[in-house]
Amino acid sequence: MVRKYFLQLFKQVLKLCIDKGMVSGRRQAVDSAYIKANASLDSLVEKEVMDDAQTYSDELMANDKGML
């Protein structure tokens, strides 16, 4: 039952991304891992998404260079 709702939510988010031009809509892949968390709402920290995206992109580029 939970899987049905997750799939429905995933499809809605994917459609929004396609409509906004964020992804092409031809082929998508998702990778995940179940991690038990014990997080408190009081410990949430707001982050600038573009800074994180740039850091992630830099790490990917560094990893690609190391594999060549």
C-alpha atoms as a PDB file:
ATOM      1  CA  MET A   1       0.000   0.000   0.000  1.00  0.00           C
ATOM      2  CA  VAL A   2       2.822   2.438   0.875  1.00  0.00           C
ATOM      3  CA  ARG A   3       4.578   1.573  -2.368  1.00  0.00           C
ATOM      4  CA  LYS A   4       1.492   2.626  -4.343  1.00  0.00           C
ATOM      5  CA  TYR A   5       1.543   6.090  -2.746  1.00  0.00           C
ATOM      6  CA  PHE A   6       5.302   6.464  -3.148  1.00  0.00           C
ATOM      7  CA  LEU A   7       5.058   5.590  -6.844  1.00  0.00           C
ATOM      8  CA  GLN A   8       2.208   8.064  -7.295  1.00  0.00           C
ATOM      9  CA  LEU A   9       4.229  10.813  -5.561  1.00  0.00           C
ATOM     10  CA  PHE A  10       7.332   9.963  -7.594  1.00  0.00           C
ATOM     11  CA  LYS A  11       5.376  10.214 -10.856  1.00  0.00           C
ATOM     12  CA  GLN A  12       3.939  13.594  -9.837  1.00  0.00           C
ATOM     13  CA  VAL A  13       7.366  14.989  -8.936  1.00  0.00           C
ATOM     14  CA  LEU A  14       8.899  13.586 -12.129  1.00  0.00           C
ATOM     15  CA  LYS A  15       6.133  15.175 -14.220  1.00  0.00           C
ATOM     16  CA  LEU A  16       6.747  18.538 -12.547  1.00  0.00           C
ATOM     17  CA  CYS A  17      10.472  18.227 -13.296  1.00  0.00           C
ATOM     18  CA  ILE A  18       9.753  17.369 -16.951  1.00  0.00           C
ATOM     19  CA  ASP A  19       7.274  20.254 -17.261  1.00  0.00           C
ATOM     20  CA  LYS A  20       9.879  22.685 -15.866  1.00  0.00           C
ATOM     21  CA  GLY A  21      12.570  21.366 -18.234  1.00  0.00           C
ATOM     22  CA  MET A  22      14.733  19.992 -15.428  1.00  0.00           C
ATOM     23  CA  VAL A  23      14.863  16.497 -16.995  1.00  0.00           C
ATOM     24  CA  SER A  24      14.147  15.246 -20.489  1.00  0.00           C
ATOM     25  CA  GLY A  25      11.596  12.612 -19.569  1.00  0.00           C
ATOM     26  CA  ARG A  26      13.169   9.934 -21.750  1.00  0.00           C
ATOM     27  CA  ARG A  27      15.054   7.796 -19.228  1.00  0.00           C
ATOM     28  CA  GLN A  28      15.364   8.322 -15.505  1.00  0.00           C
ATOM     29  CA  ALA A  29      17.214   6.312 -12.860  1.00  0.00           C
ATOM     30  CA  VAL A  30      16.897   6.440  -9.097  1.00  0.00           C
ATOM     31  CA  ASP A  31      19.303   5.015  -6.569  1.00  0.00           C
ATOM     32  CA  SER A  32      18.645   4.939  -2.866  1.00  0.00           C
ATOM     33  CA  ALA A  33      19.483   3.268   0.398  1.00  0.00           C
ATOM     34  CA  TYR A  34      17.400   2.830   3.533  1.00  0.00           C
ATOM     35  CA  ILE A  35      19.063   4.623   6.422  1.00  0.00           C
ATOM     36  CA  LYS A  36      17.483   4.743   9.842  1.00  0.00           C
ATOM     37  CA  ALA A  37      17.596   8.306  11.133  1.00  0.00           C
ATOM     38  CA  ASN A  38      17.007   9.920  14.459  1.00  0.00           C
ATOM     39  CA  ALA A  39      16.747  13.564  13.457  1.00  0.00           C
ATOM     40  CA  SER A  40      15.199  16.384  15.402  1.00  0.00           C
ATOM     41  CA  LEU A  41      13.316  19.220  13.751  1.00  0.00           C
ATOM     42  CA  ASP A  42      15.222  21.537  16.099  1.00  0.00           C
ATOM     43  CA  SER A  43      18.515  20.526  14.469  1.00  0.00           C
ATOM     44  CA  LEU A  44      17.479  21.432  10.904  1.00  0.00           C
ATOM     45  CA  VAL A  45      19.804  23.846   9.141  1.00  0.00           C
ATOM     46  CA  GLU A  46      18.815  25.815   6.053  1.00  0.00           C
ATOM     47  CA  LYS A  47      21.293  25.424   3.193  1.00  0.00           C
ATOM     48  CA  GLU A  48      21.728  27.220  -0.092  1.00  0.00           C
ATOM     49  CA  VAL A  49      20.860  24.615  -2.713  1.00  0.00           C
ATOM     50  CA  MET A  50      23.010  26.081  -5.457  1.00  0.00           C
ATOM     51  CA  ASP A  51      26.113  25.968  -3.227  1.00  0.00           C
ATOM     52  CA  ASP A  52      25.458  22.297  -2.481  1.00  0.00           C
ATOM     53  CA  ALA A  53      24.821  21.575  -6.157  1.00  0.00           C
ATOM     54  CA  GLN A  54      28.136  23.168  -7.139  1.00  0.00           C
ATOM     55  CA  THR A  55      30.021  21.191  -4.483  1.00  0.00           C
ATOM     56  CA  TYR A  56      28.392  17.965  -5.646  1.00  0.00           C
ATOM     57  CA  SER A  57      29.181  18.754  -9.269  1.00  0.00           C
ATOM     58  CA  ASP A  58      32.825  19.476  -8.371  1.00  0.00           C
ATOM     59  CA  GLU A  59      33.076  16.148  -6.520  1.00  0.00           C
ATOM     60  CA  LEU A  60      31.630  14.295  -9.520  1.00  0.00           C
ATOM     61  CA  MET A  61      34.119  15.931 -11.874  1.00  0.00           C
ATOM     62  CA  ALA A  62      37.027  15.056  -9.549  1.00  0.00           C
ATOM     63  CA  ASN A  63      35.864  11.435  -9.368  1.00  0.00           C
ATOM     64  CA  ASP A  64      35.558  11.244 -13.160  1.00  0.00           C
ATOM     65  CA  LYS A  65      39.109  12.508 -13.606  1.00  0.00           C
ATOM     66  CA  GLY A  66      40.385   9.918 -11.141  1.00  0.00           C
ATOM     67  CA  MET A  67      38.778   7.081 -13.101  1.00  0.00           C
ATOM     68  CA  LEU A  68      40.315   7.997 -16.468  1.00  0.00           C
END
